[in-house]
Each structure stands twice: as C-alpha cells, then as structure tokens.
mmCIF file of all heavy atoms, coordinates in Angstrom:
data_MODEL
# 
_entry.id   MODEL 
# 
loop_
_atom_site.group_PDB 
_atom_site.id 
_atom_site.type_symbol 
_atom_site.label_atom_id 
_atom_site.label_alt_id 
_atom_site.label_comp_id 
_atom_site.label_asym_id 
_atom_site.label_entity_id 
_atom_site.label_seq_id 
_atom_site.pdbx_PDB_ins_code 
_atom_site.Cartn_x 
_atom_site.Cartn_y 
_atom_site.Cartn_z 
_atom_site.occupancy 
_atom_site.B_iso_or_equiv 
_atom_site.pdbx_formal_charge 
_atom_site.auth_seq_id 
_atom_site.auth_comp_id 
_atom_site.auth_asym_id 
_atom_site.auth_atom_id 
_atom_site.pdbx_PDB_model_num 
ATOM 1   N N   . PHE A 1 1  ? 139.418 136.236 172.752 1.00 0.00 ? 1  PHE A N   1 
ATOM 2   C CA  . PHE A 1 1  ? 140.447 135.569 173.551 1.00 0.00 ? 1  PHE A CA  1 
ATOM 3   C C   . PHE A 1 1  ? 140.528 136.193 174.945 1.00 0.00 ? 1  PHE A C   1 
ATOM 4   O O   . PHE A 1 1  ? 140.591 135.488 175.957 1.00 0.00 ? 1  PHE A O   1 
ATOM 5   C CB  . PHE A 1 1  ? 141.802 135.674 172.850 1.00 0.00 ? 1  PHE A CB  1 
ATOM 6   C CG  . PHE A 1 1  ? 142.953 135.174 173.673 1.00 0.00 ? 1  PHE A CG  1 
ATOM 7   C CD1 . PHE A 1 1  ? 143.207 133.811 173.785 1.00 0.00 ? 1  PHE A CD1 1 
ATOM 8   C CD2 . PHE A 1 1  ? 143.783 136.066 174.350 1.00 0.00 ? 1  PHE A CD2 1 
ATOM 9   C CE1 . PHE A 1 1  ? 144.260 133.340 174.568 1.00 0.00 ? 1  PHE A CE1 1 
ATOM 10  C CE2 . PHE A 1 1  ? 144.839 135.611 175.130 1.00 0.00 ? 1  PHE A CE2 1 
ATOM 11  C CZ  . PHE A 1 1  ? 145.078 134.242 175.233 1.00 0.00 ? 1  PHE A CZ  1 
ATOM 12  N N   . LEU A 1 2  ? 140.499 137.517 175.005 1.00 0.00 ? 2  LEU A N   1 
ATOM 13  C CA  . LEU A 1 2  ? 140.607 138.207 176.289 1.00 0.00 ? 2  LEU A CA  1 
ATOM 14  C C   . LEU A 1 2  ? 139.422 137.930 177.202 1.00 0.00 ? 2  LEU A C   1 
ATOM 15  O O   . LEU A 1 2  ? 139.564 137.924 178.435 1.00 0.00 ? 2  LEU A O   1 
ATOM 16  C CB  . LEU A 1 2  ? 140.742 139.714 176.063 1.00 0.00 ? 2  LEU A CB  1 
ATOM 17  C CG  . LEU A 1 2  ? 142.049 140.186 175.425 1.00 0.00 ? 2  LEU A CG  1 
ATOM 18  C CD1 . LEU A 1 2  ? 141.982 141.680 175.123 1.00 0.00 ? 2  LEU A CD1 1 
ATOM 19  C CD2 . LEU A 1 2  ? 143.245 139.880 176.325 1.00 0.00 ? 2  LEU A CD2 1 
ATOM 20  N N   . VAL A 1 3  ? 138.246 137.714 176.625 1.00 0.00 ? 3  VAL A N   1 
ATOM 21  C CA  . VAL A 1 3  ? 137.064 137.447 177.456 1.00 0.00 ? 3  VAL A CA  1 
ATOM 22  C C   . VAL A 1 3  ? 136.784 135.948 177.581 1.00 0.00 ? 3  VAL A C   1 
ATOM 23  O O   . VAL A 1 3  ? 135.719 135.536 178.035 1.00 0.00 ? 3  VAL A O   1 
ATOM 24  C CB  . VAL A 1 3  ? 135.811 138.187 176.913 1.00 0.00 ? 3  VAL A CB  1 
ATOM 25  C CG1 . VAL A 1 3  ? 135.992 139.687 177.021 1.00 0.00 ? 3  VAL A CG1 1 
ATOM 26  C CG2 . VAL A 1 3  ? 135.492 137.775 175.469 1.00 0.00 ? 3  VAL A CG2 1 
ATOM 27  N N   . ALA A 1 4  ? 137.770 135.135 177.174 1.00 0.00 ? 4  ALA A N   1 
ATOM 28  C CA  . ALA A 1 4  ? 137.703 133.670 177.353 1.00 0.00 ? 4  ALA A CA  1 
ATOM 29  C C   . ALA A 1 4  ? 136.513 133.044 176.638 1.00 0.00 ? 4  ALA A C   1 
ATOM 30  O O   . ALA A 1 4  ? 135.849 132.147 177.167 1.00 0.00 ? 4  ALA A O   1 
ATOM 31  C CB  . ALA A 1 4  ? 137.691 133.323 178.845 1.00 0.00 ? 4  ALA A CB  1 
ATOM 32  N N   . CYS A 1 5  ? 136.252 133.529 175.420 1.00 0.00 ? 5  CYS A N   1 
ATOM 33  C CA  . CYS A 1 5  ? 135.182 132.967 174.588 1.00 0.00 ? 5  CYS A CA  1 
ATOM 34  C C   . CYS A 1 5  ? 135.789 132.462 173.282 1.00 0.00 ? 5  CYS A C   1 
ATOM 35  O O   . CYS A 1 5  ? 135.831 133.195 172.275 1.00 0.00 ? 5  CYS A O   1 
ATOM 36  C CB  . CYS A 1 5  ? 134.112 134.011 174.294 1.00 0.00 ? 5  CYS A CB  1 
ATOM 37  S SG  . CYS A 1 5  ? 133.108 134.481 175.722 1.00 0.00 ? 5  CYS A SG  1 
ATOM 38  N N   . PRO A 1 6  ? 136.293 131.233 173.268 1.00 0.00 ? 6  PRO A N   1 
ATOM 39  C CA  . PRO A 1 6  ? 136.849 130.696 172.023 1.00 0.00 ? 6  PRO A CA  1 
ATOM 40  C C   . PRO A 1 6  ? 135.782 130.623 170.940 1.00 0.00 ? 6  PRO A C   1 
ATOM 41  O O   . PRO A 1 6  ? 134.613 130.353 171.219 1.00 0.00 ? 6  PRO A O   1 
ATOM 42  C CB  . PRO A 1 6  ? 137.344 129.302 172.421 1.00 0.00 ? 6  PRO A CB  1 
ATOM 43  C CG  . PRO A 1 6  ? 136.578 128.953 173.654 1.00 0.00 ? 6  PRO A CG  1 
ATOM 44  C CD  . PRO A 1 6  ? 136.308 130.242 174.359 1.00 0.00 ? 6  PRO A CD  1 
ATOM 45  N N   . VAL A 1 7  ? 136.189 130.869 169.703 1.00 0.00 ? 7  VAL A N   1 
ATOM 46  C CA  . VAL A 1 7  ? 135.255 130.928 168.578 1.00 0.00 ? 7  VAL A CA  1 
ATOM 47  C C   . VAL A 1 7  ? 135.477 129.733 167.652 1.00 0.00 ? 7  VAL A C   1 
ATOM 48  O O   . VAL A 1 7  ? 136.616 129.423 167.276 1.00 0.00 ? 7  VAL A O   1 
ATOM 49  C CB  . VAL A 1 7  ? 135.432 132.236 167.785 1.00 0.00 ? 7  VAL A CB  1 
ATOM 50  C CG1 . VAL A 1 7  ? 134.565 132.230 166.521 1.00 0.00 ? 7  VAL A CG1 1 
ATOM 51  C CG2 . VAL A 1 7  ? 135.073 133.431 168.665 1.00 0.00 ? 7  VAL A CG2 1 
ATOM 52  N N   . ARG A 1 8  ? 134.402 129.087 167.286 1.00 0.00 ? 8  ARG A N   1 
ATOM 53  C CA  . ARG A 1 8  ? 134.453 127.985 166.318 1.00 0.00 ? 8  ARG A CA  1 
ATOM 54  C C   . ARG A 1 8  ? 133.590 128.351 165.126 1.00 0.00 ? 8  ARG A C   1 
ATOM 55  O O   . ARG A 1 8  ? 132.416 128.698 165.291 1.00 0.00 ? 8  ARG A O   1 
ATOM 56  C CB  . ARG A 1 8  ? 133.954 126.686 166.940 1.00 0.00 ? 8  ARG A CB  1 
ATOM 57  C CG  . ARG A 1 8  ? 134.028 125.489 165.991 1.00 0.00 ? 8  ARG A CG  1 
ATOM 58  C CD  . ARG A 1 8  ? 133.478 124.247 166.657 1.00 0.00 ? 8  ARG A CD  1 
ATOM 59  N NE  . ARG A 1 8  ? 133.621 123.066 165.807 1.00 0.00 ? 8  ARG A NE  1 
ATOM 60  C CZ  . ARG A 1 8  ? 133.129 121.867 166.091 1.00 0.00 ? 8  ARG A CZ  1 
ATOM 61  N NH1 . ARG A 1 8  ? 132.453 121.687 167.222 1.00 0.00 ? 8  ARG A NH1 1 
ATOM 62  N NH2 . ARG A 1 8  ? 133.307 120.845 165.276 1.00 0.00 ? 8  ARG A NH2 1 
ATOM 63  N N   . VAL A 1 9  ? 134.160 128.287 163.941 1.00 0.00 ? 9  VAL A N   1 
ATOM 64  C CA  . VAL A 1 9  ? 133.440 128.596 162.699 1.00 0.00 ? 9  VAL A CA  1 
ATOM 65  C C   . VAL A 1 9  ? 133.372 127.324 161.860 1.00 0.00 ? 9  VAL A C   1 
ATOM 66  O O   . VAL A 1 9  ? 134.392 126.679 161.600 1.00 0.00 ? 9  VAL A O   1 
ATOM 67  C CB  . VAL A 1 9  ? 134.160 129.712 161.911 1.00 0.00 ? 9  VAL A CB  1 
ATOM 68  C CG1 . VAL A 1 9  ? 133.384 130.034 160.629 1.00 0.00 ? 9  VAL A CG1 1 
ATOM 69  C CG2 . VAL A 1 9  ? 134.313 130.963 162.767 1.00 0.00 ? 9  VAL A CG2 1 
ATOM 70  N N   . ARG A 1 10 ? 132.173 126.963 161.436 1.00 0.00 ? 10 ARG A N   1 
ATOM 71  C CA  . ARG A 1 10 ? 131.991 125.780 160.593 1.00 0.00 ? 10 ARG A CA  1 
ATOM 72  C C   . ARG A 1 10 ? 131.259 126.154 159.313 1.00 0.00 ? 10 ARG A C   1 
ATOM 73  O O   . ARG A 1 10 ? 130.431 127.068 159.303 1.00 0.00 ? 10 ARG A O   1 
ATOM 74  C CB  . ARG A 1 10 ? 131.194 124.698 161.338 1.00 0.00 ? 10 ARG A CB  1 
ATOM 75  C CG  . ARG A 1 10 ? 131.877 124.154 162.586 1.00 0.00 ? 10 ARG A CG  1 
ATOM 76  C CD  . ARG A 1 10 ? 131.049 123.080 163.266 1.00 0.00 ? 10 ARG A CD  1 
ATOM 77  N NE  . ARG A 1 10 ? 130.819 121.932 162.396 1.00 0.00 ? 10 ARG A NE  1 
ATOM 78  C CZ  . ARG A 1 10 ? 130.105 120.859 162.750 1.00 0.00 ? 10 ARG A CZ  1 
ATOM 79  N NH1 . ARG A 1 10 ? 129.541 120.803 163.953 1.00 0.00 ? 10 ARG A NH1 1 
ATOM 80  N NH2 . ARG A 1 10 ? 129.951 119.868 161.908 1.00 0.00 ? 10 ARG A NH2 1 
ATOM 81  N N   . GLY A 1 11 ? 131.550 125.447 158.229 1.00 0.00 ? 11 GLY A N   1 
ATOM 82  C CA  . GLY A 1 11 ? 130.797 125.593 156.995 1.00 0.00 ? 11 GLY A CA  1 
ATOM 83  C C   . GLY A 1 11 ? 131.303 126.649 156.046 1.00 0.00 ? 11 GLY A C   1 
ATOM 84  O O   . GLY A 1 11 ? 130.589 127.032 155.103 1.00 0.00 ? 11 GLY A O   1 
ATOM 85  N N   . LYS A 1 12 ? 132.545 127.113 156.216 1.00 0.00 ? 12 LYS A N   1 
ATOM 86  C CA  . LYS A 1 12 ? 133.076 128.122 155.292 1.00 0.00 ? 12 LYS A CA  1 
ATOM 87  C C   . LYS A 1 12 ? 133.160 127.600 153.863 1.00 0.00 ? 12 LYS A C   1 
ATOM 88  O O   . LYS A 1 12 ? 133.119 128.378 152.908 1.00 0.00 ? 12 LYS A O   1 
ATOM 89  C CB  . LYS A 1 12 ? 134.451 128.609 155.766 1.00 0.00 ? 12 LYS A CB  1 
ATOM 90  C CG  . LYS A 1 12 ? 134.398 129.455 157.025 1.00 0.00 ? 12 LYS A CG  1 
ATOM 91  C CD  . LYS A 1 12 ? 135.719 130.122 157.328 1.00 0.00 ? 12 LYS A CD  1 
ATOM 92  C CE  . LYS A 1 12 ? 136.755 129.118 157.785 1.00 0.00 ? 12 LYS A CE  1 
ATOM 93  N NZ  . LYS A 1 12 ? 138.023 129.788 158.187 1.00 0.00 ? 12 LYS A NZ  1 
ATOM 94  N N   . LYS A 1 13 ? 133.225 126.302 153.729 1.00 0.00 ? 13 LYS A N   1 
ATOM 95  C CA  . LYS A 1 13 ? 133.297 125.687 152.400 1.00 0.00 ? 13 LYS A CA  1 
ATOM 96  C C   . LYS A 1 13 ? 132.011 125.912 151.601 1.00 0.00 ? 13 LYS A C   1 
ATOM 97  O O   . LYS A 1 13 ? 131.998 125.736 150.372 1.00 0.00 ? 13 LYS A O   1 
ATOM 98  C CB  . LYS A 1 13 ? 133.561 124.188 152.521 1.00 0.00 ? 13 LYS A CB  1 
ATOM 99  C CG  . LYS A 1 13 ? 132.423 123.393 153.148 1.00 0.00 ? 13 LYS A CG  1 
ATOM 100 C CD  . LYS A 1 13 ? 132.746 121.917 153.215 1.00 0.00 ? 13 LYS A CD  1 
ATOM 101 C CE  . LYS A 1 13 ? 131.569 121.079 153.685 1.00 0.00 ? 13 LYS A CE  1 
ATOM 102 N NZ  . LYS A 1 13 ? 131.057 121.456 155.006 1.00 0.00 ? 13 LYS A NZ  1 
ATOM 103 N N   . ASN A 1 14 ? 130.942 126.306 152.262 1.00 0.00 ? 14 ASN A N   1 
ATOM 104 C CA  . ASN A 1 14 ? 129.674 126.535 151.562 1.00 0.00 ? 14 ASN A CA  1 
ATOM 105 C C   . ASN A 1 14 ? 129.652 127.857 150.784 1.00 0.00 ? 14 ASN A C   1 
ATOM 106 O O   . ASN A 1 14 ? 128.710 128.113 150.041 1.00 0.00 ? 14 ASN A O   1 
ATOM 107 C CB  . ASN A 1 14 ? 128.512 126.501 152.563 1.00 0.00 ? 14 ASN A CB  1 
ATOM 108 C CG  . ASN A 1 14 ? 128.242 125.091 153.075 1.00 0.00 ? 14 ASN A CG  1 
ATOM 109 O OD1 . ASN A 1 14 ? 128.265 124.128 152.300 1.00 0.00 ? 14 ASN A OD1 1 
ATOM 110 N ND2 . ASN A 1 14 ? 128.006 124.960 154.367 1.00 0.00 ? 14 ASN A ND2 1 
ATOM 111 N N   . PHE A 1 15 ? 130.687 128.676 150.960 1.00 0.00 ? 15 PHE A N   1 
ATOM 112 C CA  . PHE A 1 15 ? 130.802 129.914 150.195 1.00 0.00 ? 15 PHE A CA  1 
ATOM 113 C C   . PHE A 1 15 ? 131.620 129.658 148.936 1.00 0.00 ? 15 PHE A C   1 
ATOM 114 O O   . PHE A 1 15 ? 132.801 129.319 149.015 1.00 0.00 ? 15 PHE A O   1 
ATOM 115 C CB  . PHE A 1 15 ? 131.496 130.998 151.031 1.00 0.00 ? 15 PHE A CB  1 
ATOM 116 C CG  . PHE A 1 15 ? 130.647 131.555 152.140 1.00 0.00 ? 15 PHE A CG  1 
ATOM 117 C CD1 . PHE A 1 15 ? 130.539 130.877 153.344 1.00 0.00 ? 15 PHE A CD1 1 
ATOM 118 C CD2 . PHE A 1 15 ? 129.970 132.754 151.977 1.00 0.00 ? 15 PHE A CD2 1 
ATOM 119 C CE1 . PHE A 1 15 ? 129.774 131.387 154.381 1.00 0.00 ? 15 PHE A CE1 1 
ATOM 120 C CE2 . PHE A 1 15 ? 129.197 133.274 153.003 1.00 0.00 ? 15 PHE A CE2 1 
ATOM 121 C CZ  . PHE A 1 15 ? 129.093 132.585 154.214 1.00 0.00 ? 15 PHE A CZ  1 
ATOM 122 N N   . GLU A 1 16 ? 130.992 129.800 147.791 1.00 0.00 ? 16 GLU A N   1 
ATOM 123 C CA  . GLU A 1 16 ? 131.703 129.650 146.512 1.00 0.00 ? 16 GLU A CA  1 
ATOM 124 C C   . GLU A 1 16 ? 132.477 130.929 146.232 1.00 0.00 ? 16 GLU A C   1 
ATOM 125 O O   . GLU A 1 16 ? 131.918 132.028 146.270 1.00 0.00 ? 16 GLU A O   1 
ATOM 126 C CB  . GLU A 1 16 ? 130.705 129.382 145.391 1.00 0.00 ? 16 GLU A CB  1 
ATOM 127 C CG  . GLU A 1 16 ? 131.335 129.182 144.026 1.00 0.00 ? 16 GLU A CG  1 
ATOM 128 C CD  . GLU A 1 16 ? 130.299 128.987 142.948 1.00 0.00 ? 16 GLU A CD  1 
ATOM 129 O OE1 . GLU A 1 16 ? 129.205 128.458 143.263 1.00 0.00 ? 16 GLU A OE1 1 
ATOM 130 O OE2 . GLU A 1 16 ? 130.571 129.384 141.788 1.00 0.00 ? 16 GLU A OE2 1 
ATOM 131 N N   . LYS A 1 17 ? 133.755 130.786 145.965 1.00 0.00 ? 17 LYS A N   1 
ATOM 132 C CA  . LYS A 1 17 ? 134.604 131.953 145.747 1.00 0.00 ? 17 LYS A CA  1 
ATOM 133 C C   . LYS A 1 17 ? 134.084 132.767 144.561 1.00 0.00 ? 17 LYS A C   1 
ATOM 134 O O   . LYS A 1 17 ? 133.727 132.230 143.516 1.00 0.00 ? 17 LYS A O   1 
ATOM 135 C CB  . LYS A 1 17 ? 136.043 131.512 145.484 1.00 0.00 ? 17 LYS A CB  1 
ATOM 136 C CG  . LYS A 1 17 ? 137.026 132.667 145.456 1.00 0.00 ? 17 LYS A CG  1 
ATOM 137 C CD  . LYS A 1 17 ? 138.461 132.168 145.338 1.00 0.00 ? 17 LYS A CD  1 
ATOM 138 C CE  . LYS A 1 17 ? 139.441 133.329 145.337 1.00 0.00 ? 17 LYS A CE  1 
ATOM 139 N NZ  . LYS A 1 17 ? 140.855 132.875 145.239 1.00 0.00 ? 17 LYS A NZ  1 
ATOM 140 N N   . GLY A 1 18 ? 134.031 134.079 144.742 1.00 0.00 ? 18 GLY A N   1 
ATOM 141 C CA  . GLY A 1 18 ? 133.595 134.975 143.682 1.00 0.00 ? 18 GLY A CA  1 
ATOM 142 C C   . GLY A 1 18 ? 132.094 135.150 143.580 1.00 0.00 ? 18 GLY A C   1 
ATOM 143 O O   . GLY A 1 18 ? 131.618 135.838 142.668 1.00 0.00 ? 18 GLY A O   1 
ATOM 144 N N   . ARG A 1 19 ? 131.333 134.553 144.502 1.00 0.00 ? 19 ARG A N   1 
ATOM 145 C CA  . ARG A 1 19 ? 129.878 134.668 144.453 1.00 0.00 ? 19 ARG A CA  1 
ATOM 146 C C   . ARG A 1 19 ? 129.362 135.358 145.712 1.00 0.00 ? 19 ARG A C   1 
ATOM 147 O O   . ARG A 1 19 ? 129.845 135.113 146.815 1.00 0.00 ? 19 ARG A O   1 
ATOM 148 C CB  . ARG A 1 19 ? 129.238 133.287 144.341 1.00 0.00 ? 19 ARG A CB  1 
ATOM 149 C CG  . ARG A 1 19 ? 127.723 133.340 144.156 1.00 0.00 ? 19 ARG A CG  1 
ATOM 150 C CD  . ARG A 1 19 ? 127.171 132.020 143.682 1.00 0.00 ? 19 ARG A CD  1 
ATOM 151 N NE  . ARG A 1 19 ? 125.800 132.164 143.234 1.00 0.00 ? 19 ARG A NE  1 
ATOM 152 C CZ  . ARG A 1 19 ? 125.065 131.181 142.725 1.00 0.00 ? 19 ARG A CZ  1 
ATOM 153 N NH1 . ARG A 1 19 ? 125.606 129.969 142.585 1.00 0.00 ? 19 ARG A NH1 1 
ATOM 154 N NH2 . ARG A 1 19 ? 123.827 131.399 142.336 1.00 0.00 ? 19 ARG A NH2 1 
ATOM 155 N N   . ALA A 1 20 ? 128.397 136.222 145.540 1.00 0.00 ? 20 ALA A N   1 
ATOM 156 C CA  . ALA A 1 20 ? 127.811 136.935 146.673 1.00 0.00 ? 20 ALA A CA  1 
ATOM 157 C C   . ALA A 1 20 ? 126.629 136.147 147.231 1.00 0.00 ? 20 ALA A C   1 
ATOM 158 O O   . ALA A 1 20 ? 125.881 135.503 146.489 1.00 0.00 ? 20 ALA A O   1 
ATOM 159 C CB  . ALA A 1 20 ? 127.353 138.328 146.244 1.00 0.00 ? 20 ALA A CB  1 
ATOM 160 N N   . TYR A 1 21 ? 126.456 136.229 148.546 1.00 0.00 ? 21 TYR A N   1 
ATOM 161 C CA  . TYR A 1 21 ? 125.355 135.542 149.230 1.00 0.00 ? 21 TYR A CA  1 
ATOM 162 C C   . TYR A 1 21 ? 124.671 136.492 150.203 1.00 0.00 ? 21 TYR A C   1 
ATOM 163 O O   . TYR A 1 21 ? 125.270 137.469 150.673 1.00 0.00 ? 21 TYR A O   1 
ATOM 164 C CB  . TYR A 1 21 ? 125.869 134.333 150.014 1.00 0.00 ? 21 TYR A CB  1 
ATOM 165 C CG  . TYR A 1 21 ? 126.444 133.223 149.173 1.00 0.00 ? 21 TYR A CG  1 
ATOM 166 C CD1 . TYR A 1 21 ? 127.807 133.193 148.887 1.00 0.00 ? 21 TYR A CD1 1 
ATOM 167 C CD2 . TYR A 1 21 ? 125.650 132.201 148.668 1.00 0.00 ? 21 TYR A CD2 1 
ATOM 168 C CE1 . TYR A 1 21 ? 128.361 132.188 148.115 1.00 0.00 ? 21 TYR A CE1 1 
ATOM 169 C CE2 . TYR A 1 21 ? 126.188 131.190 147.894 1.00 0.00 ? 21 TYR A CE2 1 
ATOM 170 C CZ  . TYR A 1 21 ? 127.544 131.180 147.625 1.00 0.00 ? 21 TYR A CZ  1 
ATOM 171 O OH  . TYR A 1 21 ? 128.084 130.178 146.850 1.00 0.00 ? 21 TYR A OH  1 
ATOM 172 N N   . ILE A 1 22 ? 123.431 136.167 150.526 1.00 0.00 ? 22 ILE A N   1 
ATOM 173 C CA  . ILE A 1 22 ? 122.748 136.785 151.650 1.00 0.00 ? 22 ILE A CA  1 
ATOM 174 C C   . ILE A 1 22 ? 122.856 135.803 152.806 1.00 0.00 ? 22 ILE A C   1 
ATOM 175 O O   . ILE A 1 22 ? 122.421 134.653 152.700 1.00 0.00 ? 22 ILE A O   1 
ATOM 176 C CB  . ILE A 1 22 ? 121.268 137.070 151.313 1.00 0.00 ? 22 ILE A CB  1 
ATOM 177 C CG1 . ILE A 1 22 ? 121.172 138.081 150.168 1.00 0.00 ? 22 ILE A CG1 1 
ATOM 178 C CG2 . ILE A 1 22 ? 120.533 137.588 152.554 1.00 0.00 ? 22 ILE A CG2 1 
ATOM 179 C CD1 . ILE A 1 22 ? 119.778 138.207 149.580 1.00 0.00 ? 22 ILE A CD1 1 
ATOM 180 N N   . VAL A 1 23 ? 123.478 136.238 153.886 1.00 0.00 ? 23 VAL A N   1 
ATOM 181 C CA  . VAL A 1 23 ? 123.688 135.382 155.056 1.00 0.00 ? 23 VAL A CA  1 
ATOM 182 C C   . VAL A 1 23 ? 122.657 135.758 156.118 1.00 0.00 ? 23 VAL A C   1 
ATOM 183 O O   . VAL A 1 23 ? 122.626 136.899 156.585 1.00 0.00 ? 23 VAL A O   1 
ATOM 184 C CB  . VAL A 1 23 ? 125.113 135.545 155.613 1.00 0.00 ? 23 VAL A CB  1 
ATOM 185 C CG1 . VAL A 1 23 ? 125.335 134.597 156.800 1.00 0.00 ? 23 VAL A CG1 1 
ATOM 186 C CG2 . VAL A 1 23 ? 126.152 135.293 154.527 1.00 0.00 ? 23 VAL A CG2 1 
ATOM 187 N N   . THR A 1 24 ? 121.802 134.809 156.478 1.00 0.00 ? 24 THR A N   1 
ATOM 188 C CA  . THR A 1 24 ? 120.762 135.073 157.471 1.00 0.00 ? 24 THR A CA  1 
ATOM 189 C C   . THR A 1 24 ? 121.162 134.431 158.797 1.00 0.00 ? 24 THR A C   1 
ATOM 190 O O   . THR A 1 24 ? 121.410 133.233 158.865 1.00 0.00 ? 24 THR A O   1 
ATOM 191 C CB  . THR A 1 24 ? 119.395 134.534 157.029 1.00 0.00 ? 24 THR A CB  1 
ATOM 192 O OG1 . THR A 1 24 ? 119.489 133.137 156.733 1.00 0.00 ? 24 THR A OG1 1 
ATOM 193 C CG2 . THR A 1 24 ? 118.904 135.272 155.789 1.00 0.00 ? 24 THR A CG2 1 
# 
C-alpha cells in the first residue's frame, strides 16, 4: 500500500483445505 502497488490474488479456491501442495 505504501509503495502504491495494489495486490490482486486469484485462484485461492484451488487450494483444498487440509492438503499440502507444492506451489511453483
């Protein structure tokens, strides 16, 4: 916010709760 770079995150629904993933 301070450096004026708004962040957009998409696709969080692709993480199944309770399961581990390797994120590349």
